Amino acid sequence: MPERGSKRRVIYLSSSSEEDEEESDDEEGEWEEEFDNECSDNDCDELLSQRVIRFLKENKNLDSLTLHDCKAYLRENRLRIAGTKAVCIQRVLEHWRMKDGNGEAHYPRSSFVVNCTGDVCRGDTVLFTQKVYAKFDKVTRRGGLIGKRTVAGRVVKESYGASKQQHTFTVEVLWSRGVRKLPPLYPLLVKGRNLYKLRTFRRLWNDEAERVQVLAEKHKRGAAARGVRALQKRKRKLVQMGGSGKNQGHVQLPRQASNSNGSRKSMRSRDKNNAVRRHPA
């Protein structure tokens, strides 16, 4: 069993194009997420996990297990623990089926028949190949290319960053081939802009109409985020223009005062000349 007591590392991969294959802002191990948000006793988790394994080996019905039993097994195998008891049981069963590396038998390459490049959403089961880089150096802004990896996985989460206007997908790995193979059900983060640079294929949904709805919701969130960003840009521009106008007004004030003083002096001079004419010496 892997050691406990440390944060869950999630691989943040790079899949850059040929032009920037030696420079990428992605890095394996750079992004961390605490999937295990619940405090647990290591020894207790191990005992509960062994109980789940015993049920699996004996082909017993897992419904008699508790949610704590299932989460203990998931924690021990460094998997996501979110969801109800039914969801966790399904995740336990799927991991048990694929733990020996036979995920490709359940999700063969031939089943990924739809080209979804630029059109991935939560719920898709996708197949893609990406370039894998060595540890990214933040000083030199470079990371050496070490090879490629083909990944089949299920998109379980997607988020949209309003600041950089890009999607980030969490892909639950089903199987992988190539450099740095990933364990089954490992949560892998992929930037949308990198995923879309390469050809991406997906399996058909049982109900493609449901996917259309999920995709529409994704586009709606993206449009809303872009609208917020555009509004913030306009506000910043107005603030900058307002600040520039204030400075110009501040500069003009002394000139206005100077012209006013000159006008007063000219009026006094004319009054004095008129008085001299009326009272000659």
Protein backbone atom coordinates (compact mmCIF):
# COMPACT_ATOMS: atom_id res chain seq x y z
CA MET A 1 0.00 0.00 0.00
CA PRO A 2 1.27 3.52 -0.66
CA GLU A 3 2.37 5.58 2.29
CA ARG A 4 -0.21 7.80 3.94
CA GLY A 5 0.13 11.22 5.51
CA SER A 6 1.03 13.21 2.41
CA LYS A 7 -0.98 15.26 -0.06
CA ARG A 8 -2.37 13.64 -3.15
CA ARG A 9 -0.32 14.56 -6.20
CA VAL A 10 -2.16 14.95 -9.46
CA ILE A 11 -0.14 14.93 -12.66
CA TYR A 12 -0.48 18.16 -14.62
CA LEU A 13 0.70 17.20 -18.09
CA SER A 14 1.94 19.06 -21.10
CA SER A 15 0.77 18.39 -24.62
CA SER A 16 2.29 21.31 -26.50
CA SER A 17 2.62 21.56 -30.25
CA GLU A 18 5.81 21.11 -32.27
CA GLU A 19 6.61 24.83 -32.13
CA ASP A 20 6.97 24.91 -28.35
CA GLU A 21 7.97 21.34 -27.57
CA GLU A 22 10.93 22.54 -25.49
CA GLU A 23 8.98 25.18 -23.62
CA SER A 24 5.85 24.52 -21.62
CA ASP A 25 4.19 25.98 -18.56
CA ASP A 26 2.82 22.57 -17.56
CA GLU A 27 4.67 20.35 -15.17
CA GLU A 28 4.16 16.93 -13.71
CA GLY A 29 3.52 17.21 -10.02
CA GLU A 30 3.25 21.00 -10.17
CA TRP A 31 -0.45 21.07 -9.29
CA GLU A 32 -1.66 19.45 -6.08
CA GLU A 33 -5.18 18.71 -4.99
CA GLU A 34 -6.29 17.26 -1.66
CA PHE A 35 -8.71 14.56 -2.73
CA ASP A 36 -8.71 13.11 0.77
CA ASN A 37 -10.48 15.87 2.68
CA GLU A 38 -11.49 13.65 5.58
CA CYS A 39 -9.30 12.89 8.56
CA SER A 40 -8.65 9.18 8.92
CA ASP A 41 -6.58 6.82 10.98
CA ASN A 42 -4.01 5.01 8.84
CA ASP A 43 -4.31 1.70 10.66
CA CYS A 44 -8.10 1.88 10.64
CA ASP A 45 -8.11 2.63 6.90
CA GLU A 46 -5.89 -0.35 6.23
CA LEU A 47 -8.16 -2.69 8.20
CA LEU A 48 -11.29 -1.43 6.48
CA SER A 49 -9.59 -1.63 3.08
CA GLN A 50 -8.62 -5.25 3.75
CA ARG A 51 -12.26 -5.98 4.55
CA VAL A 52 -13.29 -4.56 1.17
CA ILE A 53 -10.62 -6.63 -0.58
CA ARG A 54 -11.89 -9.77 1.16
CA PHE A 55 -15.40 -9.03 -0.13
CA LEU A 56 -14.03 -8.53 -3.64
CA LYS A 57 -12.02 -11.74 -3.62
CA GLU A 58 -15.01 -13.73 -2.37
CA ASN A 59 -17.37 -12.04 -4.88
CA LYS A 60 -19.63 -10.83 -2.10
CA ASN A 61 -22.18 -8.07 -2.56
CA LEU A 62 -20.57 -4.76 -1.59
CA ASP A 63 -23.89 -3.23 -0.62
CA SER A 64 -23.41 -4.58 2.91
CA LEU A 65 -20.25 -2.46 3.26
CA THR A 66 -20.42 1.02 4.78
CA LEU A 67 -19.44 4.25 3.07
CA HIS A 68 -16.43 4.43 5.43
CA ASP A 69 -15.31 1.00 4.20
CA CYS A 70 -15.43 2.09 0.58
CA LYS A 71 -13.66 5.39 1.22
CA ALA A 72 -10.95 3.60 3.17
CA TYR A 73 -10.23 1.41 0.13
CA LEU A 74 -10.22 4.43 -2.17
CA ARG A 75 -7.89 6.36 0.13
CA GLU A 76 -5.49 3.44 0.38
CA ASN A 77 -5.31 3.33 -3.41
CA ARG A 78 -5.07 7.11 -3.80
CA LEU A 79 -8.35 7.48 -5.67
CA ARG A 80 -11.08 10.10 -5.58
CA ILE A 81 -13.45 9.66 -2.63
CA ALA A 82 -16.20 12.10 -3.64
CA GLY A 83 -19.73 10.79 -4.08
CA THR A 84 -22.41 8.70 -2.46
CA LYS A 85 -22.02 5.12 -1.29
CA ALA A 86 -23.31 3.82 -4.62
CA VAL A 87 -20.81 5.97 -6.54
CA CYS A 88 -17.93 4.86 -4.31
CA ILE A 89 -18.90 1.19 -4.67
CA GLN A 90 -18.92 1.58 -8.45
CA ARG A 91 -15.46 3.18 -8.30
CA VAL A 92 -14.16 0.35 -6.09
CA LEU A 93 -15.49 -2.30 -8.50
CA GLU A 94 -14.07 -0.53 -11.55
CA HIS A 95 -10.65 -0.16 -9.92
CA TRP A 96 -10.67 -3.84 -8.94
CA ARG A 97 -11.43 -4.86 -12.52
CA MET A 98 -8.65 -2.71 -14.01
CA LYS A 99 -5.99 -2.79 -11.29
CA ASP A 100 -3.95 -5.39 -13.19
CA GLY A 101 -3.68 -3.18 -16.26
CA ASN A 102 -6.48 -4.69 -18.32
CA GLY A 103 -8.38 -1.44 -18.77
CA GLU A 104 -7.82 -1.52 -22.52
CA ALA A 105 -9.80 -4.75 -22.72
CA HIS A 106 -12.83 -2.95 -21.22
CA TYR A 107 -12.27 0.25 -23.25
CA PRO A 108 -10.60 -0.81 -26.53
CA ARG A 109 -9.16 1.73 -28.95
CA SER A 110 -11.71 0.74 -31.55
CA SER A 111 -14.55 2.05 -29.35
CA PHE A 112 -13.31 5.66 -29.60
CA VAL A 113 -14.96 6.55 -32.87
CA VAL A 114 -15.93 10.25 -32.65
CA ASN A 115 -13.40 13.00 -33.30
CA CYS A 116 -14.15 15.53 -30.53
CA THR A 117 -11.10 17.79 -30.90
CA GLY A 118 -12.09 21.18 -29.46
CA ASP A 119 -15.40 19.81 -28.22
CA VAL A 120 -14.80 17.84 -24.99
CA CYS A 121 -17.20 18.04 -22.05
CA ARG A 122 -17.79 16.43 -18.67
CA GLY A 123 -18.99 12.85 -19.08
CA ASP A 124 -16.97 12.13 -22.23
CA THR A 125 -14.73 9.06 -22.34
CA VAL A 126 -11.79 10.23 -24.44
CA LEU A 127 -8.64 8.90 -26.06
CA PHE A 128 -5.69 11.20 -26.77
CA THR A 129 -1.91 11.22 -27.08
CA GLN A 130 0.22 13.90 -25.51
CA LYS A 131 3.84 14.84 -25.19
CA VAL A 132 5.35 14.29 -21.77
CA TYR A 133 8.00 16.62 -20.40
CA ALA A 134 10.57 16.35 -17.66
CA LYS A 135 10.24 18.62 -14.62
CA PHE A 136 9.55 22.15 -15.74
CA ASP A 137 12.17 24.74 -14.75
CA LYS A 138 10.45 27.97 -13.76
CA VAL A 139 13.70 29.95 -14.04
CA THR A 140 14.63 28.95 -17.60
CA ARG A 141 10.96 28.46 -18.59
CA ARG A 142 11.84 25.15 -20.24
CA GLY A 143 11.21 21.45 -19.79
CA GLY A 144 12.83 18.67 -21.81
CA LEU A 145 10.61 16.43 -23.93
CA ILE A 146 10.98 12.80 -22.81
CA GLY A 147 8.38 11.07 -24.99
CA LYS A 148 4.69 10.58 -25.65
CA ARG A 149 1.85 8.90 -23.82
CA THR A 150 -1.56 7.71 -25.00
CA VAL A 151 -4.33 8.01 -22.42
CA ALA A 152 -7.90 6.74 -22.31
CA GLY A 153 -9.98 8.30 -19.58
CA ARG A 154 -13.28 9.65 -18.38
CA VAL A 155 -13.78 13.42 -18.02
CA VAL A 156 -15.16 13.78 -14.49
CA LYS A 157 -14.73 17.52 -14.04
CA GLU A 158 -14.18 20.65 -16.10
CA SER A 159 -13.57 24.23 -15.03
CA TYR A 160 -13.21 27.50 -16.90
CA GLY A 161 -10.63 30.07 -15.86
CA ALA A 162 -12.01 33.53 -16.55
CA SER A 163 -8.60 35.21 -16.21
CA LYS A 164 -6.85 33.16 -18.91
CA GLN A 165 -9.98 32.13 -20.83
CA GLN A 166 -9.20 28.41 -20.93
CA HIS A 167 -10.72 25.14 -19.77
CA THR A 168 -9.04 22.62 -17.50
CA PHE A 169 -10.30 19.03 -17.49
CA THR A 170 -9.91 16.35 -14.82
CA VAL A 171 -9.61 13.00 -16.59
CA GLU A 172 -9.99 9.77 -14.60
CA VAL A 173 -7.50 7.46 -16.32
CA LEU A 174 -8.80 4.11 -17.58
CA TRP A 175 -5.58 2.97 -19.22
CA SER A 176 -2.41 4.48 -20.64
CA ARG A 177 0.49 3.47 -22.87
CA GLY A 178 3.92 5.00 -23.46
CA VAL A 179 6.14 7.14 -21.25
CA ARG A 180 5.23 7.29 -17.54
CA LYS A 181 2.18 5.06 -17.59
CA LEU A 182 -0.54 6.07 -15.14
CA PRO A 183 -2.43 3.79 -12.72
CA PRO A 184 -6.12 3.08 -13.34
CA LEU A 185 -8.61 5.75 -12.19
CA TYR A 186 -5.78 8.20 -11.53
CA PRO A 187 -7.06 11.82 -11.73
CA LEU A 188 -5.14 13.61 -14.48
CA LEU A 189 -5.39 17.36 -15.10
CA VAL A 190 -5.25 18.50 -18.72
CA LYS A 191 -5.39 22.08 -19.99
CA GLY A 192 -7.96 22.43 -22.72
CA ARG A 193 -5.64 24.42 -24.97
CA ASN A 194 -3.14 21.55 -24.85
CA LEU A 195 -5.74 18.83 -25.26
CA TYR A 196 -7.17 20.56 -28.34
CA LYS A 197 -3.80 20.85 -30.06
CA LEU A 198 -3.85 17.09 -30.64
CA ARG A 199 -6.52 14.86 -32.10
CA THR A 200 -8.96 13.68 -29.44
CA PHE A 201 -11.53 10.93 -29.86
CA ARG A 202 -14.44 9.86 -27.67
CA ARG A 203 -16.85 6.99 -27.20
CA LEU A 204 -20.50 7.41 -28.05
CA TRP A 205 -22.83 8.19 -25.16
CA ASN A 206 -25.80 5.94 -24.47
CA ASP A 207 -27.89 9.08 -24.99
CA GLU A 208 -26.21 11.58 -27.31
CA ALA A 209 -29.05 14.05 -26.67
CA GLU A 210 -27.94 14.25 -23.04
CA ARG A 211 -24.44 15.14 -24.18
CA VAL A 212 -25.83 17.99 -26.27
CA GLN A 213 -27.36 19.46 -23.10
CA VAL A 214 -24.12 19.06 -21.10
CA LEU A 215 -22.15 20.69 -23.91
CA ALA A 216 -24.61 23.58 -24.10
CA GLU A 217 -24.23 24.19 -20.35
CA LYS A 218 -20.45 24.20 -20.75
CA HIS A 219 -20.63 26.76 -23.57
CA LYS A 220 -23.01 28.89 -21.51
CA ARG A 221 -20.57 28.98 -18.57
CA GLY A 222 -17.73 29.85 -20.91
CA ALA A 223 -19.72 32.68 -22.51
CA ALA A 224 -20.64 34.05 -19.07
CA ALA A 225 -16.99 33.99 -17.99
CA ARG A 226 -15.91 35.77 -21.17
CA GLY A 227 -18.61 38.39 -20.60
CA VAL A 228 -17.36 39.02 -17.05
CA ARG A 229 -13.80 39.39 -18.32
CA ALA A 230 -14.86 41.83 -21.07
CA LEU A 231 -16.77 43.91 -18.51
CA GLN A 232 -13.75 44.04 -16.21
CA LYS A 233 -11.58 45.17 -19.12
CA ARG A 234 -13.99 47.99 -19.95
CA LYS A 235 -14.08 49.11 -16.32
CA ARG A 236 -10.29 49.19 -16.13
CA LYS A 237 -10.13 51.19 -19.35
CA LEU A 238 -12.66 53.72 -18.05
CA VAL A 239 -10.73 54.09 -14.80
CA GLN A 240 -7.51 54.71 -16.74
CA MET A 241 -9.20 57.28 -18.97
CA GLY A 242 -10.75 58.99 -15.95
CA GLY A 243 -7.40 59.20 -14.22
CA SER A 244 -5.81 60.70 -17.32
CA GLY A 245 -8.55 63.37 -17.54
CA LYS A 246 -8.04 64.35 -13.91
CA ASN A 247 -4.32 64.87 -14.46
CA GLN A 248 -4.95 67.08 -17.48
CA GLY A 249 -7.40 69.23 -15.51
CA HIS A 250 -4.89 69.60 -12.72
CA VAL A 251 -2.28 70.86 -15.20
CA GLN A 252 -4.63 73.37 -16.79
CA LEU A 253 -5.61 75.10 -13.53
CA PRO A 254 -2.38 77.15 -13.12
CA ARG A 255 -2.63 78.36 -16.74
CA GLN A 256 -6.19 79.50 -16.16
CA ALA A 257 -5.13 81.36 -13.03
CA SER A 258 -2.24 83.01 -14.92
CA ASN A 259 -4.56 84.27 -17.68
CA SER A 260 -6.96 85.66 -15.11
CA ASN A 261 -4.17 87.57 -13.35
CA GLY A 262 -3.02 89.02 -16.66
CA SER A 263 -6.53 90.22 -17.45
CA ARG A 264 -6.77 92.01 -14.07
CA LYS A 265 -3.42 93.79 -14.65
CA SER A 266 -4.56 94.93 -18.10
CA MET A 267 -7.81 96.36 -16.66
CA ARG A 268 -5.90 98.28 -13.94
CA SER A 269 -3.57 99.76 -16.56
CA ARG A 270 -6.49 100.98 -18.68
CA ASP A 271 -8.21 102.57 -15.62
CA LYS A 272 -4.99 104.39 -14.71
CA ASN A 273 -4.54 105.80 -18.22
CA ASN A 274 -8.14 107.01 -18.26
CA ALA A 275 -7.63 108.80 -14.92
CA VAL A 276 -4.52 110.58 -16.26
CA ARG A 277 -6.44 111.86 -19.28
CA ARG A 278 -9.23 113.30 -17.08
CA HIS A 279 -6.85 115.13 -14.75
CA PRO A 280 -3.95 116.55 -16.76
CA ALA A 281 -1.05 118.04 -14.80
